[in-house]
Amino acid sequence: VKAKVDSGNEAFNVLHGVDVQVNGNEVTFTTIDNKTLTKPFNDTITIHIGSGVKEERPLVSFNIKLQDKSYNDVMFSIADRTENEEPVLVGEPFIKKINALIDVNGLES
């Protein structure tokens, strides 16, 4: 899945999800390719999305793979990214945690 790497995002990673339902210790949502997932509910996070608007999002963890490296229990907030170019956003905390560098060569202007 393509993701946007956002070094200016100081919050959690974000995965596209709609029809989000928290039921006790589980979160069910519809995500990429209309797949419905149920994941353990870890917590919630309040995101300031601008103009004083706040959005409360559930947090779930995923095991992910970037190139040839695997990372376990990576936290993602679930939010509707329909209007965004990429369905996944990888934020600064995860980039720092894995000691990744962002190569800006070849970026479109």
N, C-alpha and C. Protein backbone atom coordinates (compact mmCIF):
# COMPACT_ATOMS: atom_id res chain seq x y z
N VAL A 1 0.85 -1.17 0.00
CA VAL A 1 0.00 0.00 0.00
C VAL A 1 0.89 1.23 0.00
N LYS A 2 0.60 2.17 -0.86
CA LYS A 2 1.36 3.42 -0.88
C LYS A 2 1.00 4.25 0.35
N ALA A 3 2.01 4.93 0.86
CA ALA A 3 1.82 5.78 2.03
C ALA A 3 2.50 7.11 1.82
N LYS A 4 1.96 8.12 2.48
CA LYS A 4 2.60 9.43 2.51
C LYS A 4 3.46 9.47 3.76
N VAL A 5 4.71 9.84 3.61
CA VAL A 5 5.60 10.03 4.75
C VAL A 5 5.56 11.51 5.07
N ASP A 6 5.16 11.84 6.29
CA ASP A 6 4.94 13.24 6.68
C ASP A 6 5.79 13.58 7.88
N SER A 7 6.96 14.16 7.62
CA SER A 7 7.86 14.50 8.71
C SER A 7 7.33 15.65 9.57
N GLY A 8 6.28 16.33 9.12
CA GLY A 8 5.67 17.40 9.90
C GLY A 8 4.53 16.92 10.77
N ASN A 9 4.16 15.65 10.65
CA ASN A 9 3.07 15.08 11.45
C ASN A 9 3.65 14.52 12.73
N GLU A 10 3.40 15.20 13.83
CA GLU A 10 3.97 14.78 15.11
C GLU A 10 3.05 13.84 15.88
N ALA A 11 2.01 13.36 15.25
CA ALA A 11 1.07 12.46 15.91
C ALA A 11 1.28 11.03 15.40
N PHE A 12 0.29 10.23 15.60
CA PHE A 12 0.37 8.83 15.18
C PHE A 12 0.26 8.68 13.68
N ASN A 13 0.67 7.53 13.20
CA ASN A 13 0.43 7.15 11.82
C ASN A 13 -1.08 7.06 11.63
N VAL A 14 -1.54 7.18 10.39
CA VAL A 14 -2.97 7.15 10.12
C VAL A 14 -3.26 6.15 9.01
N LEU A 15 -4.30 5.33 9.22
CA LEU A 15 -4.78 4.40 8.21
C LEU A 15 -6.19 4.79 7.84
N HIS A 16 -6.50 4.78 6.54
CA HIS A 16 -7.85 5.08 6.08
C HIS A 16 -8.84 4.08 6.67
N GLY A 17 -9.92 4.60 7.23
CA GLY A 17 -10.98 3.75 7.74
C GLY A 17 -12.27 4.53 7.85
N VAL A 18 -13.37 3.90 7.45
CA VAL A 18 -14.70 4.50 7.57
C VAL A 18 -15.61 3.51 8.29
N ASP A 19 -16.80 3.97 8.64
CA ASP A 19 -17.75 3.14 9.39
C ASP A 19 -17.09 2.54 10.62
N VAL A 20 -16.37 3.38 11.34
CA VAL A 20 -15.61 2.94 12.51
C VAL A 20 -16.56 2.71 13.68
N GLN A 21 -16.45 1.53 14.28
CA GLN A 21 -17.27 1.19 15.44
C GLN A 21 -16.39 0.60 16.52
N VAL A 22 -16.43 1.21 17.71
CA VAL A 22 -15.71 0.68 18.86
C VAL A 22 -16.71 -0.09 19.70
N ASN A 23 -16.43 -1.38 19.88
CA ASN A 23 -17.29 -2.25 20.67
C ASN A 23 -16.44 -2.91 21.75
N GLY A 24 -16.47 -2.31 22.95
CA GLY A 24 -15.67 -2.86 24.04
C GLY A 24 -14.20 -2.76 23.75
N ASN A 25 -13.56 -3.92 23.62
CA ASN A 25 -12.11 -3.92 23.40
C ASN A 25 -11.75 -4.20 21.94
N GLU A 26 -12.69 -3.94 21.02
CA GLU A 26 -12.42 -4.14 19.59
C GLU A 26 -12.89 -2.94 18.78
N VAL A 27 -12.20 -2.73 17.66
CA VAL A 27 -12.58 -1.68 16.70
C VAL A 27 -12.80 -2.36 15.36
N THR A 28 -13.96 -2.09 14.75
CA THR A 28 -14.26 -2.62 13.42
C THR A 28 -14.38 -1.44 12.48
N PHE A 29 -13.78 -1.55 11.29
CA PHE A 29 -13.83 -0.47 10.32
C PHE A 29 -13.63 -1.03 8.92
N THR A 30 -14.07 -0.26 7.94
CA THR A 30 -13.86 -0.60 6.54
C THR A 30 -12.67 0.22 6.05
N THR A 31 -11.74 -0.45 5.37
CA THR A 31 -10.50 0.21 4.99
C THR A 31 -10.23 0.03 3.50
N ILE A 32 -8.99 0.05 3.12
CA ILE A 32 -8.54 -0.02 1.73
C ILE A 32 -9.15 -1.22 1.03
N ASP A 33 -9.58 -1.03 -0.22
CA ASP A 33 -10.22 -2.07 -1.03
C ASP A 33 -11.49 -2.61 -0.38
N ASN A 34 -12.17 -1.77 0.40
CA ASN A 34 -13.43 -2.13 1.07
C ASN A 34 -13.32 -3.35 1.96
N LYS A 35 -12.15 -3.58 2.53
CA LYS A 35 -11.97 -4.68 3.47
C LYS A 35 -12.44 -4.24 4.85
N THR A 36 -13.19 -5.10 5.52
CA THR A 36 -13.62 -4.83 6.88
C THR A 36 -12.67 -5.56 7.82
N LEU A 37 -12.12 -4.81 8.76
CA LEU A 37 -11.18 -5.36 9.74
C LEU A 37 -11.72 -5.16 11.14
N THR A 38 -11.41 -6.10 12.00
CA THR A 38 -11.66 -5.96 13.43
C THR A 38 -10.33 -6.15 14.13
N LYS A 39 -9.95 -5.15 14.90
CA LYS A 39 -8.65 -5.15 15.58
C LYS A 39 -8.88 -4.87 17.07
N PRO A 40 -7.94 -5.31 17.91
CA PRO A 40 -8.03 -4.93 19.32
C PRO A 40 -7.95 -3.40 19.47
N PHE A 41 -8.80 -2.87 20.32
CA PHE A 41 -8.83 -1.44 20.62
C PHE A 41 -7.76 -1.14 21.65
N ASN A 42 -6.81 -0.27 21.30
CA ASN A 42 -5.72 0.07 22.21
C ASN A 42 -6.00 1.32 23.05
N ASP A 43 -6.53 2.35 22.40
CA ASP A 43 -6.73 3.62 23.08
C ASP A 43 -7.39 4.57 22.09
N THR A 44 -7.55 5.83 22.48
CA THR A 44 -8.00 6.86 21.56
C THR A 44 -6.99 8.00 21.60
N ILE A 45 -7.01 8.78 20.55
CA ILE A 45 -6.16 9.97 20.48
C ILE A 45 -7.03 11.11 19.97
N THR A 46 -6.80 12.29 20.51
CA THR A 46 -7.49 13.48 20.03
C THR A 46 -6.55 14.22 19.09
N ILE A 47 -6.99 14.43 17.87
CA ILE A 47 -6.21 15.10 16.85
C ILE A 47 -6.81 16.48 16.60
N HIS A 48 -5.96 17.50 16.60
CA HIS A 48 -6.38 18.86 16.25
C HIS A 48 -6.23 18.97 14.73
N ILE A 49 -7.35 18.97 14.01
CA ILE A 49 -7.28 18.95 12.55
C ILE A 49 -7.34 20.34 11.93
N GLY A 50 -7.34 21.37 12.74
CA GLY A 50 -7.29 22.73 12.23
C GLY A 50 -8.53 23.53 12.57
N SER A 51 -8.37 24.84 12.60
CA SER A 51 -9.45 25.79 12.87
C SER A 51 -10.19 25.46 14.16
N GLY A 52 -9.47 24.95 15.15
CA GLY A 52 -10.07 24.63 16.44
C GLY A 52 -10.88 23.34 16.46
N VAL A 53 -10.90 22.62 15.35
CA VAL A 53 -11.67 21.38 15.27
C VAL A 53 -10.81 20.23 15.78
N LYS A 54 -11.41 19.43 16.66
CA LYS A 54 -10.73 18.26 17.20
C LYS A 54 -11.48 17.01 16.76
N GLU A 55 -10.72 15.94 16.57
CA GLU A 55 -11.30 14.68 16.14
C GLU A 55 -10.74 13.57 17.03
N GLU A 56 -11.61 12.77 17.62
CA GLU A 56 -11.17 11.66 18.44
C GLU A 56 -11.11 10.40 17.58
N ARG A 57 -9.96 9.73 17.60
CA ARG A 57 -9.76 8.55 16.75
C ARG A 57 -9.31 7.36 17.58
N PRO A 58 -9.77 6.17 17.20
CA PRO A 58 -9.27 4.97 17.87
C PRO A 58 -7.86 4.63 17.40
N LEU A 59 -7.11 3.97 18.28
CA LEU A 59 -5.76 3.51 17.95
C LEU A 59 -5.74 1.99 17.90
N VAL A 60 -5.14 1.47 16.84
CA VAL A 60 -4.96 0.03 16.70
C VAL A 60 -3.52 -0.22 16.27
N SER A 61 -3.04 -1.43 16.49
CA SER A 61 -1.67 -1.73 16.08
C SER A 61 -1.66 -2.72 14.93
N PHE A 62 -0.64 -2.58 14.11
CA PHE A 62 -0.42 -3.46 12.96
C PHE A 62 1.04 -3.88 12.94
N ASN A 63 1.29 -5.04 12.41
CA ASN A 63 2.64 -5.45 12.05
C ASN A 63 2.81 -5.03 10.60
N ILE A 64 3.86 -4.26 10.33
CA ILE A 64 4.05 -3.75 8.97
C ILE A 64 5.43 -4.12 8.46
N LYS A 65 5.58 -4.02 7.16
CA LYS A 65 6.86 -4.29 6.53
C LYS A 65 7.17 -3.14 5.59
N LEU A 66 8.36 -2.57 5.73
CA LEU A 66 8.85 -1.52 4.85
C LEU A 66 10.10 -2.06 4.18
N GLN A 67 10.02 -2.17 2.88
CA GLN A 67 11.10 -2.80 2.11
C GLN A 67 11.37 -4.17 2.69
N ASP A 68 12.53 -4.42 3.25
CA ASP A 68 12.83 -5.76 3.75
C ASP A 68 12.81 -5.86 5.28
N LYS A 69 12.33 -4.82 5.97
CA LYS A 69 12.31 -4.83 7.43
C LYS A 69 10.88 -4.90 7.95
N SER A 70 10.69 -5.71 8.98
CA SER A 70 9.38 -5.85 9.62
C SER A 70 9.38 -5.09 10.95
N TYR A 71 8.23 -4.51 11.27
CA TYR A 71 8.05 -3.77 12.52
C TYR A 71 6.74 -4.25 13.14
N ASN A 72 6.81 -4.63 14.41
CA ASN A 72 5.63 -5.16 15.09
C ASN A 72 4.97 -4.11 15.97
N ASP A 73 3.67 -4.25 16.12
CA ASP A 73 2.88 -3.40 17.02
C ASP A 73 3.05 -1.91 16.75
N VAL A 74 2.94 -1.52 15.50
CA VAL A 74 3.02 -0.12 15.11
C VAL A 74 1.63 0.49 15.24
N MET A 75 1.52 1.57 16.00
CA MET A 75 0.23 2.20 16.25
C MET A 75 -0.22 3.06 15.07
N PHE A 76 -1.51 2.94 14.76
CA PHE A 76 -2.15 3.75 13.74
C PHE A 76 -3.47 4.27 14.29
N SER A 77 -3.75 5.54 14.02
CA SER A 77 -5.10 6.03 14.27
C SER A 77 -5.91 5.72 13.01
N ILE A 78 -7.21 5.59 13.18
CA ILE A 78 -8.09 5.28 12.05
C ILE A 78 -8.90 6.54 11.73
N ALA A 79 -8.85 6.97 10.47
CA ALA A 79 -9.57 8.18 10.06
C ALA A 79 -9.93 8.08 8.58
N ASP A 80 -10.95 8.81 8.20
CA ASP A 80 -11.38 8.85 6.80
C ASP A 80 -10.37 9.66 6.00
N ARG A 81 -9.65 8.98 5.11
CA ARG A 81 -8.65 9.63 4.25
C ARG A 81 -9.12 9.63 2.80
N THR A 82 -10.43 9.57 2.59
CA THR A 82 -10.99 9.56 1.25
C THR A 82 -10.51 10.74 0.42
N GLU A 83 -10.39 11.88 1.04
CA GLU A 83 -9.99 13.10 0.32
C GLU A 83 -8.47 13.24 0.18
N ASN A 84 -7.72 12.32 0.76
CA ASN A 84 -6.26 12.39 0.70
C ASN A 84 -5.75 11.54 -0.45
N GLU A 85 -4.58 11.89 -0.93
CA GLU A 85 -3.98 11.18 -2.06
C GLU A 85 -3.61 9.74 -1.70
N GLU A 86 -3.09 9.53 -0.50
CA GLU A 86 -2.66 8.20 -0.07
C GLU A 86 -3.52 7.73 1.10
N PRO A 87 -3.82 6.44 1.17
CA PRO A 87 -4.67 5.92 2.26
C PRO A 87 -3.95 5.74 3.59
N VAL A 88 -2.64 5.89 3.58
CA VAL A 88 -1.84 5.71 4.80
C VAL A 88 -0.91 6.91 4.95
N LEU A 89 -0.80 7.38 6.19
CA LEU A 89 0.15 8.44 6.49
C LEU A 89 1.10 7.92 7.56
N VAL A 90 2.38 8.02 7.31
CA VAL A 90 3.40 7.63 8.28
C VAL A 90 3.96 8.90 8.88
N GLY A 91 3.86 9.02 10.20
CA GLY A 91 4.24 10.25 10.88
C GLY A 91 5.65 10.26 11.41
N GLU A 92 6.05 11.43 11.86
CA GLU A 92 7.41 11.68 12.35
C GLU A 92 7.84 10.76 13.49
N PRO A 93 7.00 10.47 14.49
CA PRO A 93 7.47 9.61 15.58
C PRO A 93 7.96 8.23 15.09
N PHE A 94 7.25 7.63 14.15
CA PHE A 94 7.67 6.33 13.64
C PHE A 94 8.95 6.47 12.82
N ILE A 95 9.05 7.52 12.03
CA ILE A 95 10.25 7.76 11.23
C ILE A 95 11.47 7.86 12.14
N LYS A 96 11.34 8.60 13.23
CA LYS A 96 12.44 8.74 14.19
C LYS A 96 12.74 7.42 14.88
N LYS A 97 11.71 6.69 15.26
CA LYS A 97 11.88 5.43 15.98
C LYS A 97 12.72 4.43 15.19
N ILE A 98 12.53 4.40 13.88
CA ILE A 98 13.28 3.44 13.06
C ILE A 98 14.55 4.05 12.46
N ASN A 99 14.87 5.28 12.88
CA ASN A 99 16.05 5.98 12.40
C ASN A 99 16.09 6.10 10.88
N ALA A 100 14.95 6.41 10.30
CA ALA A 100 14.87 6.53 8.84
C ALA A 100 15.26 7.93 8.40
N LEU A 101 15.75 8.00 7.20
CA LEU A 101 16.07 9.28 6.58
C LEU A 101 15.06 9.51 5.45
N ILE A 102 14.70 10.75 5.25
CA ILE A 102 13.80 11.10 4.16
C ILE A 102 14.63 11.66 3.03
N ASP A 103 14.58 11.00 1.89
CA ASP A 103 15.32 11.43 0.71
C ASP A 103 14.40 12.32 -0.12
N VAL A 104 14.71 13.59 -0.19
CA VAL A 104 13.86 14.52 -0.93
C VAL A 104 14.20 14.61 -2.41
N ASN A 105 15.23 13.92 -2.84
CA ASN A 105 15.57 13.89 -4.27
C ASN A 105 14.44 13.23 -5.04
N GLY A 106 14.11 13.79 -6.17
CA GLY A 106 13.09 13.20 -7.02
C GLY A 106 11.68 13.58 -6.66
N LEU A 107 11.51 14.45 -5.65
CA LEU A 107 10.17 14.91 -5.30
C LEU A 107 9.64 15.78 -6.41
N GLU A 108 8.35 15.63 -6.68
CA GLU A 108 7.73 16.47 -7.72
C GLU A 108 7.57 17.88 -7.18
N SER A 109 7.72 18.85 -8.07
CA SER A 109 7.55 20.23 -7.62
C SER A 109 6.24 20.80 -8.10
